[in-house]
């Protein structure tokens, strides 16, 4: 993964379409995504769009530009509109709703089930990471 230099970060931060810059990531504003998508739909090339929006093409590799287009397309197709900054959605907390008048045994049983669900979710996430690592290693061979 390419890292931005301090000079590049300063240039990127100066652009009004930049929401946030870290040494590894660049986050765009909603205005950038809307302008980019409009121009892309009109048939403009992604490189030309970036240049027109004030970005130096020397800072972006082709893979990064392709990824940018895919992320913007994904946000359009999601139907939730464009988001600014990180696009992670947080999982809602598991709420334990126990009906009034429930017995203590059923409350304990429900709590045990909720703990097991949380554990299983963690286990699934761990297995996903293992599989991703194995797939990455297999592709390198």
N, C-alpha and C. Protein backbone atom coordinates (compact mmCIF):
# COMPACT_ATOMS: atom_id res chain seq x y z
N UNK A 1 0.84 -1.18 0.00
CA UNK A 1 0.00 0.00 0.00
C UNK A 1 0.89 1.24 0.00
N UNK A 2 0.55 2.16 -0.84
CA UNK A 2 1.30 3.40 -0.97
C UNK A 2 0.96 4.35 0.18
N UNK A 3 1.99 5.02 0.68
CA UNK A 3 1.78 6.01 1.73
C UNK A 3 2.00 7.40 1.15
N UNK A 4 1.19 8.35 1.60
CA UNK A 4 1.33 9.73 1.17
C UNK A 4 2.46 10.39 1.96
N UNK A 5 3.24 11.21 1.28
CA UNK A 5 4.29 11.97 1.96
C UNK A 5 3.64 13.16 2.66
N UNK A 6 4.40 13.82 3.51
CA UNK A 6 3.88 14.99 4.22
C UNK A 6 3.48 16.09 3.23
N UNK A 7 4.29 16.26 2.19
CA UNK A 7 4.00 17.27 1.17
C UNK A 7 2.70 16.93 0.42
N UNK A 8 2.55 15.66 0.06
CA UNK A 8 1.33 15.23 -0.63
C UNK A 8 0.11 15.41 0.26
N UNK A 9 0.25 15.07 1.54
CA UNK A 9 -0.87 15.23 2.47
C UNK A 9 -1.28 16.69 2.57
N UNK A 10 -0.30 17.59 2.58
CA UNK A 10 -0.60 19.02 2.66
C UNK A 10 -1.35 19.48 1.41
N UNK A 11 -0.91 19.01 0.24
CA UNK A 11 -1.58 19.36 -1.01
C UNK A 11 -3.00 18.81 -1.05
N UNK A 12 -3.16 17.57 -0.61
CA UNK A 12 -4.50 16.96 -0.61
C UNK A 12 -5.44 17.67 0.35
N UNK A 13 -4.93 18.05 1.52
CA UNK A 13 -5.76 18.76 2.51
C UNK A 13 -6.21 20.12 1.99
N UNK A 14 -5.40 20.73 1.13
CA UNK A 14 -5.72 22.05 0.59
C UNK A 14 -6.89 21.99 -0.40
N UNK A 15 -7.17 20.83 -0.96
CA UNK A 15 -8.26 20.70 -1.92
C UNK A 15 -9.60 20.73 -1.18
N UNK A 16 -10.55 21.55 -1.65
CA UNK A 16 -11.84 21.65 -0.95
C UNK A 16 -12.67 20.36 -1.01
N UNK A 17 -12.32 19.45 -1.90
CA UNK A 17 -13.05 18.19 -2.01
C UNK A 17 -12.49 17.10 -1.09
N UNK A 18 -11.44 17.41 -0.37
CA UNK A 18 -10.85 16.44 0.56
C UNK A 18 -11.47 16.62 1.93
N UNK A 19 -12.01 15.52 2.46
CA UNK A 19 -12.60 15.54 3.79
C UNK A 19 -11.52 15.32 4.85
N UNK A 20 -10.67 14.31 4.61
CA UNK A 20 -9.64 13.94 5.59
C UNK A 20 -8.53 13.19 4.87
N UNK A 21 -7.30 13.34 5.35
CA UNK A 21 -6.16 12.62 4.79
C UNK A 21 -5.35 12.03 5.93
N UNK A 22 -5.00 10.77 5.79
CA UNK A 22 -4.04 10.13 6.68
C UNK A 22 -2.89 9.68 5.79
N UNK A 23 -1.85 9.13 6.38
CA UNK A 23 -0.73 8.73 5.53
C UNK A 23 -1.10 7.56 4.61
N UNK A 24 -2.16 6.83 4.94
CA UNK A 24 -2.56 5.70 4.11
C UNK A 24 -3.88 5.87 3.37
N UNK A 25 -4.70 6.82 3.79
CA UNK A 25 -6.03 6.94 3.20
C UNK A 25 -6.41 8.38 2.88
N UNK A 26 -7.27 8.48 1.87
CA UNK A 26 -7.81 9.77 1.47
C UNK A 26 -9.32 9.64 1.50
N UNK A 27 -9.98 10.54 2.23
CA UNK A 27 -11.43 10.54 2.34
C UNK A 27 -11.97 11.76 1.60
N UNK A 28 -12.99 11.54 0.77
CA UNK A 28 -13.56 12.61 -0.03
C UNK A 28 -14.86 13.13 0.58
N UNK A 29 -15.20 14.38 0.21
CA UNK A 29 -16.45 14.98 0.66
C UNK A 29 -17.60 14.45 -0.20
N UNK A 30 -18.81 14.66 0.27
CA UNK A 30 -19.99 14.28 -0.48
C UNK A 30 -20.03 15.07 -1.79
N UNK A 31 -19.64 16.34 -1.74
CA UNK A 31 -19.63 17.18 -2.94
C UNK A 31 -18.72 16.58 -4.02
N UNK A 32 -17.55 16.05 -3.60
CA UNK A 32 -16.65 15.40 -4.55
C UNK A 32 -17.32 14.20 -5.20
N UNK A 33 -17.92 13.37 -4.37
CA UNK A 33 -18.54 12.14 -4.89
C UNK A 33 -19.67 12.46 -5.85
N UNK A 34 -20.46 13.48 -5.52
CA UNK A 34 -21.56 13.88 -6.41
C UNK A 34 -21.02 14.41 -7.73
N UNK A 35 -20.01 15.27 -7.67
CA UNK A 35 -19.41 15.83 -8.88
C UNK A 35 -18.75 14.73 -9.71
N UNK A 36 -18.04 13.84 -9.04
CA UNK A 36 -17.36 12.74 -9.72
C UNK A 36 -18.38 11.86 -10.43
N UNK A 37 -19.44 11.49 -9.71
CA UNK A 37 -20.43 10.59 -10.28
C UNK A 37 -21.16 11.22 -11.47
N UNK A 38 -21.49 12.49 -11.36
CA UNK A 38 -22.16 13.20 -12.45
C UNK A 38 -21.28 13.21 -13.70
N UNK A 39 -20.01 13.55 -13.52
CA UNK A 39 -19.08 13.59 -14.65
C UNK A 39 -18.84 12.18 -15.22
N UNK A 40 -18.75 11.21 -14.35
CA UNK A 40 -18.52 9.82 -14.78
C UNK A 40 -19.71 9.31 -15.60
N UNK A 41 -20.91 9.64 -15.15
CA UNK A 41 -22.12 9.25 -15.88
C UNK A 41 -22.18 9.94 -17.24
N UNK A 42 -21.59 11.13 -17.35
CA UNK A 42 -21.56 11.88 -18.62
C UNK A 42 -20.51 11.33 -19.57
N UNK A 43 -19.73 10.34 -19.12
CA UNK A 43 -18.76 9.69 -20.01
C UNK A 43 -17.33 10.16 -19.85
N UNK A 44 -17.06 10.99 -18.88
CA UNK A 44 -15.68 11.45 -18.67
C UNK A 44 -14.84 10.34 -18.03
N UNK A 45 -13.56 10.34 -18.34
CA UNK A 45 -12.63 9.37 -17.77
C UNK A 45 -12.32 9.77 -16.32
N UNK A 46 -12.17 8.78 -15.45
CA UNK A 46 -11.87 9.08 -14.04
C UNK A 46 -10.64 9.96 -13.84
N UNK A 47 -9.59 9.74 -14.63
CA UNK A 47 -8.38 10.55 -14.50
C UNK A 47 -8.68 12.02 -14.82
N UNK A 48 -9.46 12.25 -15.86
CA UNK A 48 -9.82 13.62 -16.26
C UNK A 48 -10.68 14.27 -15.18
N UNK A 49 -11.58 13.51 -14.60
CA UNK A 49 -12.45 14.05 -13.54
C UNK A 49 -11.60 14.49 -12.35
N UNK A 50 -10.68 13.63 -11.92
CA UNK A 50 -9.81 13.97 -10.79
C UNK A 50 -9.01 15.23 -11.07
N UNK A 51 -8.50 15.31 -12.28
CA UNK A 51 -7.72 16.49 -12.66
C UNK A 51 -8.59 17.74 -12.65
N UNK A 52 -9.80 17.64 -13.18
CA UNK A 52 -10.72 18.79 -13.20
C UNK A 52 -11.14 19.22 -11.80
N UNK A 53 -11.16 18.27 -10.86
CA UNK A 53 -11.54 18.59 -9.49
C UNK A 53 -10.35 19.03 -8.64
N UNK A 54 -9.21 19.23 -9.29
CA UNK A 54 -8.06 19.83 -8.62
C UNK A 54 -7.06 18.89 -8.00
N UNK A 55 -7.10 17.61 -8.36
CA UNK A 55 -6.15 16.65 -7.79
C UNK A 55 -5.00 16.40 -8.76
N UNK A 56 -3.82 16.20 -8.21
CA UNK A 56 -2.62 15.89 -8.99
C UNK A 56 -2.62 14.38 -9.27
N UNK A 57 -2.63 14.02 -10.53
CA UNK A 57 -2.72 12.61 -10.92
C UNK A 57 -1.48 11.81 -10.53
N UNK A 58 -0.38 12.50 -10.25
CA UNK A 58 0.85 11.81 -9.84
C UNK A 58 0.68 11.10 -8.50
N UNK A 59 -0.31 11.53 -7.71
CA UNK A 59 -0.52 10.96 -6.38
C UNK A 59 -1.34 9.67 -6.41
N UNK A 60 -1.93 9.37 -7.57
CA UNK A 60 -2.83 8.22 -7.65
C UNK A 60 -2.34 7.20 -8.67
N UNK A 61 -2.33 5.94 -8.25
CA UNK A 61 -2.05 4.87 -9.18
C UNK A 61 -3.35 4.43 -9.84
N UNK A 62 -3.24 3.67 -10.92
CA UNK A 62 -4.44 3.24 -11.64
C UNK A 62 -5.33 2.35 -10.76
N UNK A 63 -4.71 1.51 -9.97
CA UNK A 63 -5.49 0.64 -9.09
C UNK A 63 -6.29 1.45 -8.07
N UNK A 64 -5.69 2.50 -7.55
CA UNK A 64 -6.37 3.37 -6.58
C UNK A 64 -7.55 4.08 -7.24
N UNK A 65 -7.36 4.53 -8.47
CA UNK A 65 -8.44 5.22 -9.19
C UNK A 65 -9.58 4.25 -9.48
N UNK A 66 -9.24 3.04 -9.92
CA UNK A 66 -10.27 2.02 -10.18
C UNK A 66 -11.06 1.70 -8.92
N UNK A 67 -10.35 1.61 -7.79
CA UNK A 67 -10.99 1.33 -6.51
C UNK A 67 -11.92 2.47 -6.11
N UNK A 68 -11.50 3.69 -6.36
CA UNK A 68 -12.30 4.87 -6.05
C UNK A 68 -13.63 4.83 -6.83
N UNK A 69 -13.52 4.51 -8.12
CA UNK A 69 -14.72 4.43 -8.96
C UNK A 69 -15.66 3.35 -8.42
N UNK A 70 -15.11 2.20 -8.05
CA UNK A 70 -15.93 1.10 -7.54
C UNK A 70 -16.63 1.47 -6.24
N UNK A 71 -15.93 2.17 -5.34
CA UNK A 71 -16.54 2.56 -4.07
C UNK A 71 -17.67 3.57 -4.28
N UNK A 72 -17.47 4.49 -5.21
CA UNK A 72 -18.52 5.48 -5.49
C UNK A 72 -19.72 4.79 -6.14
N UNK A 73 -19.46 3.86 -7.06
CA UNK A 73 -20.55 3.09 -7.68
C UNK A 73 -21.33 2.32 -6.62
N UNK A 74 -20.60 1.72 -5.69
CA UNK A 74 -21.25 0.94 -4.63
C UNK A 74 -22.16 1.83 -3.79
N UNK A 75 -21.71 3.04 -3.47
CA UNK A 75 -22.54 3.95 -2.67
C UNK A 75 -23.79 4.36 -3.44
N UNK A 76 -23.66 4.54 -4.75
CA UNK A 76 -24.83 4.89 -5.56
C UNK A 76 -25.82 3.73 -5.56
N UNK A 77 -25.31 2.52 -5.77
CA UNK A 77 -26.17 1.34 -5.86
C UNK A 77 -26.79 0.96 -4.53
N UNK A 78 -26.18 1.37 -3.43
CA UNK A 78 -26.70 1.00 -2.11
C UNK A 78 -28.03 1.68 -1.82
N UNK A 79 -28.27 2.81 -2.48
CA UNK A 79 -29.52 3.54 -2.26
C UNK A 79 -29.51 4.41 -1.02
N UNK A 80 -28.40 4.44 -0.31
CA UNK A 80 -28.31 5.24 0.91
C UNK A 80 -27.67 6.60 0.66
N UNK A 81 -27.32 6.88 -0.57
CA UNK A 81 -26.68 8.15 -0.90
C UNK A 81 -25.21 8.13 -0.56
N UNK A 82 -24.55 9.24 -0.82
CA UNK A 82 -23.12 9.34 -0.54
C UNK A 82 -22.89 9.65 0.93
N UNK A 83 -21.78 9.12 1.44
CA UNK A 83 -21.41 9.37 2.83
C UNK A 83 -20.03 10.01 2.83
N UNK A 84 -19.79 10.82 3.81
CA UNK A 84 -18.52 11.53 3.93
C UNK A 84 -17.66 10.83 4.97
N UNK A 85 -16.39 10.69 4.68
CA UNK A 85 -15.49 10.06 5.63
C UNK A 85 -15.56 8.55 5.52
N UNK A 86 -15.34 7.88 6.63
CA UNK A 86 -15.36 6.42 6.62
C UNK A 86 -16.76 5.92 6.37
N UNK A 87 -16.84 4.83 5.63
CA UNK A 87 -18.14 4.32 5.21
C UNK A 87 -18.59 3.10 6.01
N UNK A 88 -17.97 2.92 7.13
CA UNK A 88 -18.36 1.77 7.95
C UNK A 88 -19.67 2.05 8.65
N UNK A 89 -20.50 1.04 8.68
CA UNK A 89 -21.74 1.17 9.43
C UNK A 89 -21.59 0.33 10.70
N UNK A 90 -21.98 0.88 11.76
CA UNK A 90 -21.83 0.17 13.03
C UNK A 90 -23.02 -0.75 13.26
N UNK A 91 -22.71 -1.91 13.79
CA UNK A 91 -23.75 -2.86 14.11
C UNK A 91 -24.50 -2.38 15.34
N UNK A 92 -25.80 -2.50 15.28
CA UNK A 92 -26.60 -2.09 16.43
C UNK A 92 -26.30 -3.01 17.60
N UNK A 93 -26.34 -2.45 18.78
CA UNK A 93 -26.09 -3.25 19.97
C UNK A 93 -27.21 -4.26 20.15
N UNK A 94 -26.82 -5.43 20.62
CA UNK A 94 -27.82 -6.44 20.93
C UNK A 94 -28.56 -5.99 22.18
N UNK A 95 -29.82 -5.77 22.01
CA UNK A 95 -30.60 -5.35 23.17
C UNK A 95 -31.36 -6.54 23.72
N UNK A 96 -31.26 -6.70 24.98
CA UNK A 96 -31.90 -7.80 25.66
C UNK A 96 -33.22 -7.30 26.23
N UNK A 97 -34.30 -7.65 25.54
CA UNK A 97 -35.61 -7.21 26.03
C UNK A 97 -36.31 -8.41 26.66
N UNK A 98 -36.51 -8.29 27.93
CA UNK A 98 -37.16 -9.36 28.68
C UNK A 98 -38.54 -8.88 29.10
N UNK A 99 -39.54 -9.64 28.72
CA UNK A 99 -40.90 -9.22 29.06
C UNK A 99 -41.10 -9.15 30.58
N UNK A 100 -41.96 -8.23 30.98
CA UNK A 100 -42.30 -8.11 32.40
C UNK A 100 -42.94 -9.40 32.89
N UNK A 101 -42.60 -9.78 34.07
CA UNK A 101 -43.22 -10.96 34.66
C UNK A 101 -42.56 -12.26 34.24
N UNK A 102 -41.47 -12.21 33.49
CA UNK A 102 -40.79 -13.44 33.09
C UNK A 102 -40.05 -14.01 34.30
N UNK A 103 -39.94 -15.31 34.31
CA UNK A 103 -39.28 -15.95 35.45
C UNK A 103 -37.77 -15.71 35.39
N UNK A 104 -37.13 -15.85 36.53
CA UNK A 104 -35.69 -15.65 36.62
C UNK A 104 -34.96 -16.67 35.75
N UNK A 105 -35.46 -17.89 35.67
CA UNK A 105 -34.82 -18.93 34.86
C UNK A 105 -34.85 -18.54 33.37
N UNK A 106 -35.98 -18.00 32.91
CA UNK A 106 -36.07 -17.63 31.50
C UNK A 106 -35.18 -16.42 31.20
N UNK A 107 -35.05 -15.51 32.19
CA UNK A 107 -34.14 -14.37 32.01
C UNK A 107 -32.70 -14.86 31.88
N UNK A 108 -32.33 -15.80 32.73
CA UNK A 108 -30.97 -16.34 32.68
C UNK A 108 -30.73 -17.10 31.38
N UNK A 109 -31.73 -17.85 30.95
CA UNK A 109 -31.61 -18.61 29.70
C UNK A 109 -31.44 -17.66 28.52
N UNK A 110 -32.21 -16.59 28.51
CA UNK A 110 -32.12 -15.59 27.43
C UNK A 110 -30.75 -14.91 27.45
N UNK A 111 -30.24 -14.59 28.61
CA UNK A 111 -28.92 -13.98 28.73
C UNK A 111 -27.84 -14.93 28.22
N UNK A 112 -27.96 -16.22 28.55
CA UNK A 112 -27.01 -17.22 28.06
C UNK A 112 -27.03 -17.31 26.54
N UNK A 113 -28.22 -17.28 25.97
CA UNK A 113 -28.36 -17.35 24.51
C UNK A 113 -27.72 -16.13 23.86
N UNK A 114 -27.95 -14.95 24.42
CA UNK A 114 -27.37 -13.72 23.87
C UNK A 114 -25.84 -13.76 23.94
N UNK A 115 -25.29 -14.27 25.04
CA UNK A 115 -23.84 -14.40 25.15
C UNK A 115 -23.30 -15.37 24.11
N UNK A 116 -24.01 -16.45 23.88
CA UNK A 116 -23.58 -17.42 22.88
C UNK A 116 -23.63 -16.82 21.48
N UNK A 117 -24.64 -16.04 21.19
CA UNK A 117 -24.75 -15.37 19.88
C UNK A 117 -23.56 -14.43 19.68
N UNK A 118 -23.24 -13.65 20.70
CA UNK A 118 -22.10 -12.74 20.60
C UNK A 118 -20.80 -13.50 20.35
N UNK A 119 -20.63 -14.61 21.08
CA UNK A 119 -19.42 -15.43 20.91
C UNK A 119 -19.35 -15.99 19.50
N UNK A 120 -20.47 -16.49 19.00
CA UNK A 120 -20.49 -17.07 17.66
C UNK A 120 -20.21 -16.02 16.59
N UNK A 121 -20.70 -14.81 16.79
CA UNK A 121 -20.40 -13.73 15.84
C UNK A 121 -18.91 -13.44 15.81
N UNK A 122 -18.28 -13.40 16.98
CA UNK A 122 -16.84 -13.18 17.04
C UNK A 122 -16.09 -14.31 16.32
N UNK A 123 -16.56 -15.53 16.54
CA UNK A 123 -15.93 -16.68 15.91
C UNK A 123 -16.04 -16.62 14.39
N UNK A 124 -17.20 -16.23 13.89
CA UNK A 124 -17.39 -16.10 12.44
C UNK A 124 -16.45 -15.04 11.88
N UNK A 125 -16.34 -13.90 12.54
CA UNK A 125 -15.43 -12.85 12.08
C UNK A 125 -13.99 -13.34 12.05
N UNK A 126 -13.60 -14.10 13.06
CA UNK A 126 -12.25 -14.66 13.12
C UNK A 126 -12.03 -15.62 11.95
N UNK A 127 -13.00 -16.48 11.68
CA UNK A 127 -12.88 -17.43 10.57
C UNK A 127 -12.81 -16.72 9.22
N UNK A 128 -13.54 -15.63 9.08
CA UNK A 128 -13.47 -14.84 7.84
C UNK A 128 -12.05 -14.32 7.63
N UNK A 129 -11.43 -13.84 8.71
CA UNK A 129 -10.08 -13.30 8.61
C UNK A 129 -9.09 -14.40 8.23
N UNK A 130 -9.26 -15.57 8.81
CA UNK A 130 -8.39 -16.69 8.48
C UNK A 130 -8.53 -17.05 7.01
N UNK A 131 -9.77 -17.15 6.54
CA UNK A 131 -10.00 -17.51 5.14
C UNK A 131 -9.42 -16.45 4.20
N UNK A 132 -9.57 -15.18 4.55
CA UNK A 132 -9.03 -14.11 3.72
C UNK A 132 -7.51 -14.21 3.65
N UNK A 133 -6.88 -14.49 4.77
CA UNK A 133 -5.43 -14.63 4.82
C UNK A 133 -4.98 -15.81 3.96
N UNK A 134 -5.69 -16.93 4.06
CA UNK A 134 -5.35 -18.12 3.26
C UNK A 134 -5.54 -17.85 1.78
N UNK A 135 -6.62 -17.15 1.42
CA UNK A 135 -6.86 -16.84 0.01
C UNK A 135 -5.80 -15.91 -0.53
N UNK A 136 -5.38 -14.96 0.26
CA UNK A 136 -4.32 -14.02 -0.16
C UNK A 136 -3.02 -14.77 -0.36
N UNK A 137 -2.70 -15.67 0.55
CA UNK A 137 -1.47 -16.45 0.43
C UNK A 137 -1.52 -17.37 -0.79
N UNK A 138 -2.67 -17.94 -1.08
CA UNK A 138 -2.82 -18.84 -2.22
C UNK A 138 -2.65 -18.07 -3.54
N UNK A 139 -3.13 -16.82 -3.58
CA UNK A 139 -3.00 -16.02 -4.81
C UNK A 139 -1.55 -15.65 -5.08
N UNK A 140 -0.76 -15.52 -4.03
CA UNK A 140 0.64 -15.13 -4.21
C UNK A 140 1.49 -16.28 -4.75
N UNK A 141 0.97 -17.50 -4.65
CA UNK A 141 1.75 -18.66 -5.14
C UNK A 141 1.71 -18.79 -6.61
